[in-house]
Amino acid sequence: MDVVETWTARTACLLQQAMRLTNEAFAEHLGISERTISRWHAQPGMTHRTEVQQILDTAYEQAGETVQRRFALLLRPPAPRLEAQALRVAIAVVLRGPDVLLVCRRGDGELRWQFPAGMVKPGAAPESVAVQETHGETGVHCTIREQLGERVHPATGVLATYYLADHLAGDATNRDPLENVDVAFVPRSALTRFIPADQIFPPILNALEATV
């Protein structure tokens, strides 16, 4: 049996492929959320934290010889380059009075504040994904006000569609602690203390200024 020195999102997804499991089934097998598996597919170069490394080590060791051989074959060829438009995320900029909703993500050894987001599966409506993922991550119910535009995200290379949304109900709570450290409503005036201004999609800043 080969030993995986360091699990990345790509090798974890190859293990999923070798086990022939859907995102939902793989997430259940590992005891993590389906949103986490979707993020691995979106960010193949991501290196997992120690506890996730251990979860994947156990899953690989217990997978059986057939799955391990299949995994070894999948691991050999170079990973195909993902086209920028191959994957899409829907991002919600949720307003509650003078505040905006943020989540603090783990990843690549550092913490990053960002807006709630979710992968858009084929056939799904991006605006529905933005609403559903916001609730799934933070417990906040929201409604879409308007689309702010889209771009190829400079950090991940995926197509990102942005929506301005209004808070309907629910307090901000961290419902995905494996991926997120915290969630919070922060004052719009303090947003650039959490996310550098040059990393924020300009139409977001314009919309926040126009709705003060």
N, C-alpha and C. Protein backbone atom coordinates (compact mmCIF):
# COMPACT_ATOMS: atom_id res chain seq x y z
N MET A 1 0.84 -1.20 0.00
CA MET A 1 0.00 0.00 0.00
C MET A 1 0.88 1.25 0.00
N ASP A 2 0.64 2.15 -0.96
CA ASP A 2 1.38 3.40 -1.01
C ASP A 2 0.98 4.28 0.17
N VAL A 3 1.91 5.15 0.58
CA VAL A 3 1.66 6.09 1.67
C VAL A 3 1.51 7.48 1.09
N VAL A 4 0.45 8.16 1.46
CA VAL A 4 0.24 9.54 1.03
C VAL A 4 0.88 10.44 2.09
N GLU A 5 1.95 11.12 1.70
CA GLU A 5 2.66 11.95 2.66
C GLU A 5 1.82 13.15 3.10
N THR A 6 1.23 13.82 2.14
CA THR A 6 0.41 15.01 2.44
C THR A 6 -0.82 15.00 1.56
N TRP A 7 -1.99 15.04 2.16
CA TRP A 7 -3.24 15.08 1.41
C TRP A 7 -3.53 16.50 0.96
N THR A 8 -3.80 16.66 -0.32
CA THR A 8 -4.31 17.93 -0.84
C THR A 8 -5.77 17.71 -1.22
N ALA A 9 -6.43 18.82 -1.58
CA ALA A 9 -7.81 18.68 -2.03
C ALA A 9 -7.88 17.78 -3.26
N ARG A 10 -6.89 17.88 -4.15
CA ARG A 10 -6.89 17.05 -5.36
C ARG A 10 -6.78 15.57 -5.02
N THR A 11 -5.84 15.19 -4.15
CA THR A 11 -5.68 13.77 -3.84
C THR A 11 -6.88 13.23 -3.06
N ALA A 12 -7.50 14.10 -2.23
CA ALA A 12 -8.71 13.68 -1.54
C ALA A 12 -9.83 13.39 -2.53
N CYS A 13 -9.94 14.23 -3.57
CA CYS A 13 -10.97 14.02 -4.59
C CYS A 13 -10.67 12.78 -5.43
N LEU A 14 -9.37 12.47 -5.62
CA LEU A 14 -9.01 11.24 -6.32
C LEU A 14 -9.40 10.01 -5.49
N LEU A 15 -9.25 10.11 -4.17
CA LEU A 15 -9.68 9.02 -3.30
C LEU A 15 -11.20 8.84 -3.42
N GLN A 16 -11.91 9.94 -3.44
CA GLN A 16 -13.37 9.88 -3.64
C GLN A 16 -13.70 9.17 -4.96
N GLN A 17 -12.96 9.53 -6.02
CA GLN A 17 -13.20 8.90 -7.32
C GLN A 17 -12.89 7.42 -7.27
N ALA A 18 -11.80 7.06 -6.59
CA ALA A 18 -11.43 5.64 -6.48
C ALA A 18 -12.48 4.85 -5.69
N MET A 19 -13.10 5.52 -4.73
CA MET A 19 -14.13 4.86 -3.92
C MET A 19 -15.50 4.88 -4.62
N ARG A 20 -15.56 5.67 -5.73
CA ARG A 20 -16.79 5.78 -6.53
C ARG A 20 -17.97 6.24 -5.69
N LEU A 21 -17.72 7.33 -4.96
CA LEU A 21 -18.74 7.91 -4.10
C LEU A 21 -19.13 9.30 -4.59
N THR A 22 -20.39 9.63 -4.44
CA THR A 22 -20.84 10.98 -4.72
C THR A 22 -20.31 11.92 -3.63
N ASN A 23 -20.43 13.23 -3.88
CA ASN A 23 -20.01 14.20 -2.85
C ASN A 23 -20.74 13.94 -1.54
N GLU A 24 -22.03 13.69 -1.62
CA GLU A 24 -22.83 13.47 -0.42
C GLU A 24 -22.38 12.21 0.31
N ALA A 25 -22.16 11.13 -0.45
CA ALA A 25 -21.76 9.87 0.18
C ALA A 25 -20.35 9.95 0.75
N PHE A 26 -19.44 10.63 0.05
CA PHE A 26 -18.07 10.77 0.53
C PHE A 26 -18.04 11.62 1.80
N ALA A 27 -18.84 12.69 1.81
CA ALA A 27 -18.91 13.54 3.00
C ALA A 27 -19.42 12.74 4.20
N GLU A 28 -20.45 11.93 3.98
CA GLU A 28 -20.99 11.11 5.06
C GLU A 28 -19.96 10.09 5.54
N HIS A 29 -19.22 9.51 4.58
CA HIS A 29 -18.20 8.51 4.92
C HIS A 29 -17.10 9.11 5.79
N LEU A 30 -16.73 10.37 5.50
CA LEU A 30 -15.65 11.02 6.25
C LEU A 30 -16.16 11.72 7.51
N GLY A 31 -17.47 11.93 7.59
CA GLY A 31 -18.03 12.63 8.74
C GLY A 31 -17.85 14.13 8.68
N ILE A 32 -17.88 14.69 7.44
CA ILE A 32 -17.76 16.13 7.26
C ILE A 32 -18.92 16.60 6.40
N SER A 33 -18.99 17.91 6.12
CA SER A 33 -20.11 18.45 5.36
C SER A 33 -19.88 18.30 3.86
N GLU A 34 -20.99 18.22 3.11
CA GLU A 34 -20.91 18.13 1.66
C GLU A 34 -20.31 19.41 1.07
N ARG A 35 -20.56 20.56 1.73
CA ARG A 35 -19.98 21.82 1.25
C ARG A 35 -18.46 21.75 1.25
N THR A 36 -17.90 21.06 2.25
CA THR A 36 -16.44 20.92 2.33
C THR A 36 -15.91 20.16 1.12
N ILE A 37 -16.58 19.08 0.74
CA ILE A 37 -16.16 18.31 -0.43
C ILE A 37 -16.23 19.18 -1.69
N SER A 38 -17.27 19.98 -1.82
CA SER A 38 -17.40 20.87 -2.98
C SER A 38 -16.24 21.86 -3.03
N ARG A 39 -15.82 22.35 -1.87
CA ARG A 39 -14.68 23.29 -1.85
C ARG A 39 -13.39 22.59 -2.28
N TRP A 40 -13.24 21.32 -1.91
CA TRP A 40 -12.05 20.60 -2.35
C TRP A 40 -12.00 20.52 -3.87
N HIS A 41 -13.13 20.26 -4.50
CA HIS A 41 -13.16 20.21 -5.96
C HIS A 41 -12.85 21.57 -6.57
N ALA A 42 -13.25 22.64 -5.89
CA ALA A 42 -13.04 23.98 -6.41
C ALA A 42 -11.61 24.47 -6.19
N GLN A 43 -10.93 23.94 -5.16
CA GLN A 43 -9.58 24.41 -4.81
C GLN A 43 -8.64 23.20 -4.69
N PRO A 44 -8.29 22.57 -5.83
CA PRO A 44 -7.52 21.32 -5.79
C PRO A 44 -6.13 21.44 -5.17
N GLY A 45 -5.57 22.64 -5.14
CA GLY A 45 -4.23 22.79 -4.58
C GLY A 45 -4.19 22.98 -3.08
N MET A 46 -5.33 23.05 -2.44
CA MET A 46 -5.40 23.30 -1.00
C MET A 46 -4.82 22.12 -0.22
N THR A 47 -4.01 22.43 0.79
CA THR A 47 -3.46 21.41 1.69
C THR A 47 -4.31 21.34 2.95
N HIS A 48 -4.68 20.13 3.34
CA HIS A 48 -5.58 19.96 4.48
C HIS A 48 -4.86 20.13 5.81
N ARG A 49 -5.66 20.53 6.81
CA ARG A 49 -5.16 20.63 8.16
C ARG A 49 -4.93 19.24 8.76
N THR A 50 -4.22 19.20 9.90
CA THR A 50 -3.79 17.93 10.49
C THR A 50 -4.95 16.98 10.75
N GLU A 51 -6.06 17.51 11.31
CA GLU A 51 -7.18 16.62 11.64
C GLU A 51 -7.82 16.03 10.39
N VAL A 52 -7.84 16.82 9.30
CA VAL A 52 -8.40 16.31 8.04
C VAL A 52 -7.44 15.29 7.43
N GLN A 53 -6.12 15.54 7.54
CA GLN A 53 -5.13 14.57 7.08
C GLN A 53 -5.37 13.22 7.75
N GLN A 54 -5.63 13.24 9.04
CA GLN A 54 -5.84 12.00 9.77
C GLN A 54 -7.12 11.30 9.33
N ILE A 55 -8.18 12.07 9.08
CA ILE A 55 -9.43 11.49 8.60
C ILE A 55 -9.21 10.79 7.26
N LEU A 56 -8.47 11.44 6.36
CA LEU A 56 -8.22 10.87 5.04
C LEU A 56 -7.27 9.66 5.12
N ASP A 57 -6.29 9.72 6.01
CA ASP A 57 -5.40 8.57 6.22
C ASP A 57 -6.22 7.33 6.60
N THR A 58 -7.13 7.52 7.54
CA THR A 58 -7.96 6.41 8.00
C THR A 58 -8.85 5.88 6.89
N ALA A 59 -9.46 6.80 6.12
CA ALA A 59 -10.34 6.38 5.03
C ALA A 59 -9.56 5.59 3.98
N TYR A 60 -8.35 6.03 3.68
CA TYR A 60 -7.52 5.33 2.69
C TYR A 60 -7.10 3.96 3.20
N GLU A 61 -6.66 3.90 4.45
CA GLU A 61 -6.19 2.63 5.01
C GLU A 61 -7.31 1.59 5.09
N GLN A 62 -8.53 2.04 5.32
CA GLN A 62 -9.66 1.13 5.47
C GLN A 62 -10.40 0.87 4.16
N ALA A 63 -9.93 1.48 3.07
CA ALA A 63 -10.68 1.40 1.80
C ALA A 63 -10.59 0.04 1.14
N GLY A 64 -9.55 -0.71 1.42
CA GLY A 64 -9.39 -2.02 0.79
C GLY A 64 -8.45 -1.97 -0.40
N GLU A 65 -7.92 -3.13 -0.77
CA GLU A 65 -6.88 -3.21 -1.79
C GLU A 65 -7.36 -2.73 -3.16
N THR A 66 -8.58 -3.06 -3.55
CA THR A 66 -9.08 -2.67 -4.86
C THR A 66 -9.13 -1.16 -5.00
N VAL A 67 -9.67 -0.49 -3.99
CA VAL A 67 -9.76 0.97 -4.02
C VAL A 67 -8.36 1.58 -4.00
N GLN A 68 -7.46 1.01 -3.22
CA GLN A 68 -6.10 1.54 -3.14
C GLN A 68 -5.38 1.42 -4.47
N ARG A 69 -5.58 0.30 -5.19
CA ARG A 69 -4.96 0.15 -6.52
C ARG A 69 -5.56 1.17 -7.49
N ARG A 70 -6.87 1.33 -7.44
CA ARG A 70 -7.53 2.30 -8.32
C ARG A 70 -7.04 3.72 -8.03
N PHE A 71 -6.87 4.02 -6.76
CA PHE A 71 -6.37 5.33 -6.35
C PHE A 71 -4.95 5.56 -6.88
N ALA A 72 -4.10 4.53 -6.80
CA ALA A 72 -2.73 4.65 -7.28
C ALA A 72 -2.70 4.93 -8.78
N LEU A 73 -3.59 4.30 -9.54
CA LEU A 73 -3.66 4.55 -10.99
C LEU A 73 -4.11 5.98 -11.28
N LEU A 74 -5.08 6.46 -10.53
CA LEU A 74 -5.57 7.82 -10.73
C LEU A 74 -4.52 8.85 -10.36
N LEU A 75 -3.67 8.49 -9.42
CA LEU A 75 -2.67 9.43 -8.91
C LEU A 75 -1.52 9.64 -9.89
N ARG A 76 -1.28 8.69 -10.77
CA ARG A 76 -0.10 8.74 -11.64
C ARG A 76 -0.15 9.83 -12.71
N PRO A 77 -1.23 9.92 -13.50
CA PRO A 77 -1.21 10.92 -14.55
C PRO A 77 -1.30 12.33 -13.97
N PRO A 78 -0.74 13.32 -14.67
CA PRO A 78 -0.85 14.70 -14.18
C PRO A 78 -2.29 15.16 -14.18
N ALA A 79 -2.61 15.97 -13.20
CA ALA A 79 -3.99 16.48 -13.09
C ALA A 79 -4.29 17.39 -14.25
N PRO A 80 -5.44 17.26 -14.91
CA PRO A 80 -5.79 18.17 -16.00
C PRO A 80 -5.99 19.58 -15.47
N ARG A 81 -5.61 20.54 -16.29
CA ARG A 81 -5.76 21.94 -15.90
C ARG A 81 -7.24 22.32 -15.96
N LEU A 82 -7.73 22.89 -14.87
CA LEU A 82 -9.13 23.30 -14.81
C LEU A 82 -9.32 24.60 -15.58
N GLU A 83 -10.32 24.62 -16.43
CA GLU A 83 -10.67 25.87 -17.09
C GLU A 83 -11.34 26.79 -16.08
N ALA A 84 -11.11 28.10 -16.26
CA ALA A 84 -11.63 29.07 -15.31
C ALA A 84 -13.15 28.99 -15.21
N GLN A 85 -13.83 28.70 -16.33
CA GLN A 85 -15.28 28.67 -16.33
C GLN A 85 -15.86 27.29 -16.00
N ALA A 86 -14.99 26.30 -15.67
CA ALA A 86 -15.48 24.95 -15.43
C ALA A 86 -16.28 24.87 -14.14
N LEU A 87 -15.97 25.72 -13.18
CA LEU A 87 -16.64 25.69 -11.90
C LEU A 87 -17.19 27.08 -11.58
N ARG A 88 -18.30 27.11 -10.86
CA ARG A 88 -18.92 28.39 -10.52
C ARG A 88 -19.28 28.40 -9.05
N VAL A 89 -19.11 29.55 -8.41
CA VAL A 89 -19.56 29.76 -7.05
C VAL A 89 -20.55 30.92 -7.02
N ALA A 90 -21.50 30.85 -6.11
CA ALA A 90 -22.45 31.93 -5.89
C ALA A 90 -22.13 32.55 -4.53
N ILE A 91 -21.99 33.87 -4.51
CA ILE A 91 -21.54 34.58 -3.31
C ILE A 91 -22.62 35.56 -2.88
N ALA A 92 -22.95 35.54 -1.59
CA ALA A 92 -24.01 36.39 -1.05
C ALA A 92 -23.42 37.50 -0.19
N VAL A 93 -23.77 38.73 -0.51
CA VAL A 93 -23.41 39.89 0.29
C VAL A 93 -24.67 40.28 1.06
N VAL A 94 -24.78 39.79 2.29
CA VAL A 94 -26.03 39.89 3.05
C VAL A 94 -25.97 41.11 3.97
N LEU A 95 -26.96 41.99 3.82
CA LEU A 95 -27.03 43.21 4.62
C LEU A 95 -28.07 43.08 5.73
N ARG A 96 -27.72 43.59 6.89
CA ARG A 96 -28.66 43.71 8.00
C ARG A 96 -28.45 45.09 8.60
N GLY A 97 -29.30 46.04 8.18
CA GLY A 97 -29.10 47.42 8.62
C GLY A 97 -27.74 47.92 8.19
N PRO A 98 -26.92 48.42 9.13
CA PRO A 98 -25.60 48.94 8.78
C PRO A 98 -24.51 47.86 8.69
N ASP A 99 -24.89 46.60 8.85
CA ASP A 99 -23.90 45.52 8.93
C ASP A 99 -23.95 44.62 7.70
N VAL A 100 -22.85 43.88 7.48
CA VAL A 100 -22.76 42.91 6.39
C VAL A 100 -22.23 41.60 6.97
N LEU A 101 -22.70 40.48 6.43
CA LEU A 101 -22.38 39.16 6.97
C LEU A 101 -21.07 38.63 6.38
N LEU A 102 -20.18 38.14 7.25
CA LEU A 102 -18.91 37.56 6.81
C LEU A 102 -18.70 36.21 7.50
N VAL A 103 -17.89 35.35 6.85
CA VAL A 103 -17.44 34.11 7.47
C VAL A 103 -15.92 34.11 7.47
N CYS A 104 -15.34 33.52 8.50
CA CYS A 104 -13.88 33.43 8.61
C CYS A 104 -13.47 32.00 8.29
N ARG A 105 -12.82 31.82 7.13
CA ARG A 105 -12.47 30.49 6.64
C ARG A 105 -11.06 30.08 7.07
N ARG A 106 -10.91 28.76 7.27
CA ARG A 106 -9.59 28.17 7.42
C ARG A 106 -9.07 27.87 6.02
N GLY A 107 -7.77 27.82 5.85
CA GLY A 107 -7.23 27.41 4.55
C GLY A 107 -5.80 27.84 4.36
N ASP A 108 -4.97 26.92 3.85
CA ASP A 108 -3.58 27.21 3.52
C ASP A 108 -2.82 27.81 4.71
N GLY A 109 -3.15 27.35 5.90
CA GLY A 109 -2.40 27.78 7.07
C GLY A 109 -2.74 29.16 7.59
N GLU A 110 -3.76 29.80 7.05
CA GLU A 110 -4.14 31.12 7.53
C GLU A 110 -5.66 31.26 7.52
N LEU A 111 -6.13 32.31 8.17
CA LEU A 111 -7.56 32.57 8.25
C LEU A 111 -7.92 33.70 7.31
N ARG A 112 -9.06 33.58 6.64
CA ARG A 112 -9.49 34.62 5.72
C ARG A 112 -10.97 34.92 5.94
N TRP A 113 -11.29 36.19 6.07
CA TRP A 113 -12.69 36.61 6.12
C TRP A 113 -13.20 36.78 4.70
N GLN A 114 -14.42 36.34 4.45
CA GLN A 114 -15.03 36.49 3.14
C GLN A 114 -16.54 36.40 3.27
N PHE A 115 -17.22 36.63 2.15
CA PHE A 115 -18.67 36.54 2.14
C PHE A 115 -19.10 35.07 2.01
N PRO A 116 -20.26 34.70 2.52
CA PRO A 116 -20.74 33.33 2.36
C PRO A 116 -20.82 32.95 0.88
N ALA A 117 -20.44 31.72 0.56
CA ALA A 117 -20.40 31.28 -0.84
C ALA A 117 -20.62 29.79 -0.92
N GLY A 118 -21.09 29.33 -2.09
CA GLY A 118 -21.29 27.91 -2.30
C GLY A 118 -21.09 27.54 -3.76
N MET A 119 -20.70 26.29 -3.99
CA MET A 119 -20.52 25.80 -5.35
C MET A 119 -21.88 25.64 -6.03
N VAL A 120 -21.93 26.01 -7.32
CA VAL A 120 -23.15 25.89 -8.11
C VAL A 120 -23.05 24.61 -8.95
N LYS A 121 -23.89 23.64 -8.64
CA LYS A 121 -23.88 22.39 -9.40
C LYS A 121 -24.60 22.59 -10.74
N PRO A 122 -24.28 21.76 -11.73
CA PRO A 122 -24.96 21.88 -13.03
C PRO A 122 -26.48 21.85 -12.88
N GLY A 123 -27.13 22.81 -13.50
CA GLY A 123 -28.58 22.87 -13.46
C GLY A 123 -29.15 23.65 -12.30
N ALA A 124 -28.32 24.00 -11.31
CA ALA A 124 -28.80 24.75 -10.15
C ALA A 124 -28.82 26.24 -10.46
N ALA A 125 -29.74 26.97 -9.83
CA ALA A 125 -29.81 28.42 -9.99
C ALA A 125 -28.83 29.06 -9.01
N PRO A 126 -27.89 29.87 -9.50
CA PRO A 126 -26.88 30.46 -8.60
C PRO A 126 -27.48 31.25 -7.45
N GLU A 127 -28.58 32.00 -7.71
CA GLU A 127 -29.16 32.81 -6.64
C GLU A 127 -29.73 31.92 -5.53
N SER A 128 -30.27 30.75 -5.90
CA SER A 128 -30.78 29.82 -4.89
C SER A 128 -29.63 29.23 -4.08
N VAL A 129 -28.53 28.94 -4.76
CA VAL A 129 -27.35 28.41 -4.06
C VAL A 129 -26.83 29.43 -3.06
N ALA A 130 -26.80 30.71 -3.45
CA ALA A 130 -26.32 31.76 -2.54
C ALA A 130 -27.16 31.80 -1.27
N VAL A 131 -28.47 31.70 -1.42
CA VAL A 131 -29.38 31.74 -0.27
C VAL A 131 -29.21 30.48 0.59
N GLN A 132 -29.17 29.32 -0.05
CA GLN A 132 -29.09 28.05 0.68
C GLN A 132 -27.75 27.91 1.41
N GLU A 133 -26.67 28.27 0.74
CA GLU A 133 -25.36 28.12 1.38
C GLU A 133 -25.17 29.11 2.52
N THR A 134 -25.74 30.31 2.37
CA THR A 134 -25.68 31.28 3.46
C THR A 134 -26.34 30.70 4.71
N HIS A 135 -27.52 30.13 4.52
CA HIS A 135 -28.20 29.54 5.67
C HIS A 135 -27.43 28.32 6.19
N GLY A 136 -26.90 27.50 5.29
CA GLY A 136 -26.19 26.30 5.71
C GLY A 136 -24.94 26.61 6.50
N GLU A 137 -24.25 27.69 6.15
CA GLU A 137 -23.01 28.05 6.84
C GLU A 137 -23.24 28.88 8.10
N THR A 138 -24.23 29.76 8.06
CA THR A 138 -24.35 30.77 9.11
C THR A 138 -25.66 30.75 9.87
N GLY A 139 -26.66 30.00 9.40
CA GLY A 139 -27.96 30.01 10.04
C GLY A 139 -28.81 31.22 9.71
N VAL A 140 -28.33 32.07 8.81
CA VAL A 140 -29.04 33.29 8.44
C VAL A 140 -29.93 33.05 7.22
N HIS A 141 -31.17 33.43 7.31
CA HIS A 141 -32.08 33.41 6.17
C HIS A 141 -31.98 34.76 5.46
N CYS A 142 -31.88 34.73 4.13
CA CYS A 142 -31.79 35.98 3.39
C CYS A 142 -32.59 35.88 2.10
N THR A 143 -32.80 37.01 1.46
CA THR A 143 -33.47 37.05 0.17
C THR A 143 -32.64 37.89 -0.79
N ILE A 144 -32.55 37.47 -2.04
CA ILE A 144 -31.73 38.17 -3.02
C ILE A 144 -32.41 39.47 -3.44
N ARG A 145 -31.64 40.54 -3.42
CA ARG A 145 -32.14 41.83 -3.90
C ARG A 145 -31.77 42.05 -5.37
N GLU A 146 -30.50 41.77 -5.71
CA GLU A 146 -30.06 41.96 -7.09
C GLU A 146 -28.72 41.25 -7.31
N GLN A 147 -28.43 40.97 -8.58
CA GLN A 147 -27.11 40.44 -8.94
C GLN A 147 -26.15 41.60 -9.13
N LEU A 148 -24.96 41.47 -8.57
CA LEU A 148 -23.97 42.53 -8.65
C LEU A 148 -22.98 42.33 -9.80
N GLY A 149 -23.02 41.16 -10.41
CA GLY A 149 -22.10 40.88 -11.51
C GLY A 149 -21.33 39.60 -11.26
N GLU A 150 -20.39 39.31 -12.13
CA GLU A 150 -19.56 38.11 -11.97
C GLU A 150 -18.18 38.35 -12.55
N ARG A 151 -17.24 37.52 -12.11
CA ARG A 151 -15.85 37.61 -12.57
C ARG A 151 -15.19 36.26 -12.34
N VAL A 152 -14.05 36.05 -13.01
CA VAL A 152 -13.20 34.92 -12.67
C VAL A 152 -12.42 35.33 -11.43
N HIS A 153 -12.64 34.59 -10.34
CA HIS A 153 -12.05 34.97 -9.06
C HIS A 153 -10.53 34.93 -9.15
N PRO A 154 -9.84 36.03 -8.76
CA PRO A 154 -8.38 36.08 -8.93
C PRO A 154 -7.61 35.08 -8.08
N ALA A 155 -8.20 34.62 -6.97
CA ALA A 155 -7.49 33.69 -6.09
C ALA A 155 -7.75 32.23 -6.45
N THR A 156 -8.99 31.89 -6.83
CA THR A 156 -9.36 30.49 -7.06
C THR A 156 -9.50 30.12 -8.53
N GLY A 157 -9.68 31.11 -9.42
CA GLY A 157 -9.85 30.82 -10.83
C GLY A 157 -11.21 30.31 -11.22
N VAL A 158 -12.17 30.29 -10.29
CA VAL A 158 -13.52 29.85 -10.61
C VAL A 158 -14.37 31.06 -10.98
N LEU A 159 -15.46 30.82 -11.69
CA LEU A 159 -16.37 31.89 -12.05
C LEU A 159 -17.24 32.21 -10.84
N ALA A 160 -17.15 33.43 -10.37
CA ALA A 160 -17.88 33.86 -9.17
C ALA A 160 -19.00 34.80 -9.56
N THR A 161 -20.22 34.49 -9.10
CA THR A 161 -21.38 35.35 -9.32
C THR A 161 -21.79 35.94 -7.97
N TYR A 162 -21.94 37.25 -7.92
CA TYR A 162 -22.18 37.96 -6.67
C TYR A 162 -23.62 38.47 -6.59
N TYR A 163 -24.21 38.33 -5.40
CA TYR A 163 -25.58 38.78 -5.19
C TYR A 163 -25.66 39.65 -3.94
N LEU A 164 -26.38 40.75 -4.06
CA LEU A 164 -26.70 41.57 -2.89
C LEU A 164 -27.98 41.00 -2.28
N ALA A 165 -27.96 40.77 -0.98
CA ALA A 165 -29.09 40.11 -0.32
C ALA A 165 -29.45 40.83 0.98
N ASP A 166 -30.70 40.67 1.39
CA ASP A 166 -31.19 41.27 2.64
C ASP A 166 -31.45 40.20 3.68
N HIS A 167 -31.08 40.49 4.91
CA HIS A 167 -31.32 39.59 6.04
C HIS A 167 -32.82 39.49 6.30
N LEU A 168 -33.29 38.26 6.48
CA LEU A 168 -34.70 38.04 6.81
C LEU A 168 -34.86 37.61 8.27
N ALA A 169 -34.05 36.63 8.68
CA ALA A 169 -34.17 36.10 10.04
C ALA A 169 -32.91 35.31 10.38
N GLY A 170 -32.71 35.10 11.67
CA GLY A 170 -31.61 34.25 12.12
C GLY A 170 -30.39 35.04 12.56
N ASP A 171 -29.77 34.57 13.65
CA ASP A 171 -28.52 35.14 14.12
C ASP A 171 -27.36 34.43 13.45
N ALA A 172 -26.25 35.12 13.31
CA ALA A 172 -25.06 34.54 12.69
C ALA A 172 -24.41 33.53 13.63
N THR A 173 -24.41 32.26 13.23
CA THR A 173 -23.79 31.20 14.02
C THR A 173 -22.93 30.33 13.09
N ASN A 174 -21.86 29.80 13.61
CA ASN A 174 -20.95 28.98 12.80
C ASN A 174 -21.50 27.55 12.71
N ARG A 175 -22.09 27.22 11.57
CA ARG A 175 -22.70 25.90 11.39
C ARG A 175 -21.79 24.96 10.60
N ASP A 176 -20.58 25.40 10.28
CA ASP A 176 -19.63 24.54 9.57
C ASP A 176 -18.25 24.71 10.21
N PRO A 177 -18.09 24.26 11.48
CA PRO A 177 -16.86 24.53 12.22
C PRO A 177 -15.62 23.84 11.66
N LEU A 178 -15.78 22.83 10.81
CA LEU A 178 -14.61 22.19 10.23
C LEU A 178 -13.91 23.13 9.26
N GLU A 179 -14.68 23.94 8.53
CA GLU A 179 -14.12 24.84 7.53
C GLU A 179 -14.02 26.28 8.02
N ASN A 180 -14.91 26.68 8.91
CA ASN A 180 -14.98 28.07 9.35
C ASN A 180 -14.61 28.21 10.82
N VAL A 181 -13.95 29.32 11.13
CA VAL A 181 -13.60 29.62 12.51
C VAL A 181 -14.70 30.44 13.17
N ASP A 182 -15.32 31.34 12.40
CA ASP A 182 -16.31 32.24 12.97
C ASP A 182 -17.20 32.80 11.87
N VAL A 183 -18.35 33.27 12.22
CA VAL A 183 -19.21 34.04 11.33
C VAL A 183 -19.71 35.24 12.12
N ALA A 184 -19.93 36.36 11.43
CA ALA A 184 -20.33 37.57 12.16
C ALA A 184 -20.91 38.60 11.22
N PHE A 185 -21.82 39.40 11.76
CA PHE A 185 -22.22 40.63 11.09
C PHE A 185 -21.24 41.71 11.53
N VAL A 186 -20.61 42.38 10.57
CA VAL A 186 -19.65 43.44 10.89
C VAL A 186 -20.14 44.75 10.27
N PRO A 187 -19.79 45.90 10.85
CA PRO A 187 -20.21 47.18 10.27
C PRO A 187 -19.67 47.33 8.85
N ARG A 188 -20.53 47.77 7.95
CA ARG A 188 -20.08 47.97 6.58
C ARG A 188 -18.89 48.93 6.51
N SER A 189 -18.90 49.92 7.40
CA SER A 189 -17.82 50.90 7.41
C SER A 189 -16.48 50.28 7.79
N ALA A 190 -16.51 49.10 8.42
CA ALA A 190 -15.28 48.43 8.85
C ALA A 190 -14.92 47.25 7.97
N LEU A 191 -15.61 47.07 6.85
CA LEU A 191 -15.41 45.88 6.01
C LEU A 191 -13.95 45.71 5.59
N THR A 192 -13.29 46.79 5.21
CA THR A 192 -11.91 46.66 4.70
C THR A 192 -10.91 46.34 5.80
N ARG A 193 -11.34 46.33 7.05
CA ARG A 193 -10.47 45.83 8.12
C ARG A 193 -10.42 44.31 8.10
N PHE A 194 -11.46 43.71 7.52
CA PHE A 194 -11.55 42.25 7.45
C PHE A 194 -11.09 41.73 6.09
N ILE A 195 -11.45 42.43 5.02
CA ILE A 195 -11.06 42.03 3.67
C ILE A 195 -10.40 43.25 3.02
N PRO A 196 -9.15 43.13 2.55
CA PRO A 196 -8.50 44.27 1.91
C PRO A 196 -9.33 44.80 0.73
N ALA A 197 -9.38 46.11 0.60
CA ALA A 197 -10.23 46.73 -0.42
C ALA A 197 -9.89 46.24 -1.82
N ASP A 198 -8.60 45.98 -2.09
CA ASP A 198 -8.21 45.56 -3.44
C ASP A 198 -8.62 44.12 -3.75
N GLN A 199 -9.11 43.39 -2.73
CA GLN A 199 -9.57 42.02 -2.95
C GLN A 199 -11.10 41.93 -3.04
N ILE A 200 -11.78 43.05 -2.85
CA ILE A 200 -13.24 43.07 -2.90
C ILE A 200 -13.70 43.45 -4.31
N PHE A 201 -14.62 42.68 -4.86
CA PHE A 201 -15.19 42.96 -6.17
C PHE A 201 -15.77 44.38 -6.15
N PRO A 202 -15.28 45.29 -7.02
CA PRO A 202 -15.69 46.71 -6.94
C PRO A 202 -17.19 46.95 -6.88
N PRO A 203 -18.03 46.22 -7.65
CA PRO A 203 -19.47 46.47 -7.52
C PRO A 203 -20.02 46.24 -6.11
N ILE A 204 -19.35 45.42 -5.31
CA ILE A 204 -19.78 45.23 -3.92
C ILE A 204 -19.60 46.52 -3.14
N LEU A 205 -18.42 47.15 -3.26
CA LEU A 205 -18.17 48.39 -2.57
C LEU A 205 -19.13 49.49 -3.03
N ASN A 206 -19.39 49.52 -4.32
CA ASN A 206 -20.33 50.51 -4.85
C ASN A 206 -21.74 50.30 -4.27
N ALA A 207 -22.17 49.03 -4.21
CA ALA A 207 -23.50 48.73 -3.68
C ALA A 207 -23.59 49.07 -2.19
N LEU A 208 -22.54 48.78 -1.43
CA LEU A 208 -22.56 49.08 0.00
C LEU A 208 -22.60 50.59 0.25
N GLU A 209 -21.90 51.36 -0.56
CA GLU A 209 -21.94 52.80 -0.42
C GLU A 209 -23.31 53.36 -0.80
N ALA A 210 -23.94 52.77 -1.83
CA ALA A 210 -25.22 53.28 -2.32
C ALA A 210 -26.36 52.95 -1.36
N THR A 211 -26.20 51.91 -0.51
CA THR A 211 -27.30 51.49 0.34
C THR A 211 -27.12 51.93 1.79
N VAL A 212 -26.12 52.74 2.06
CA VAL A 212 -25.91 53.22 3.44
C VAL A 212 -27.11 54.08 3.86
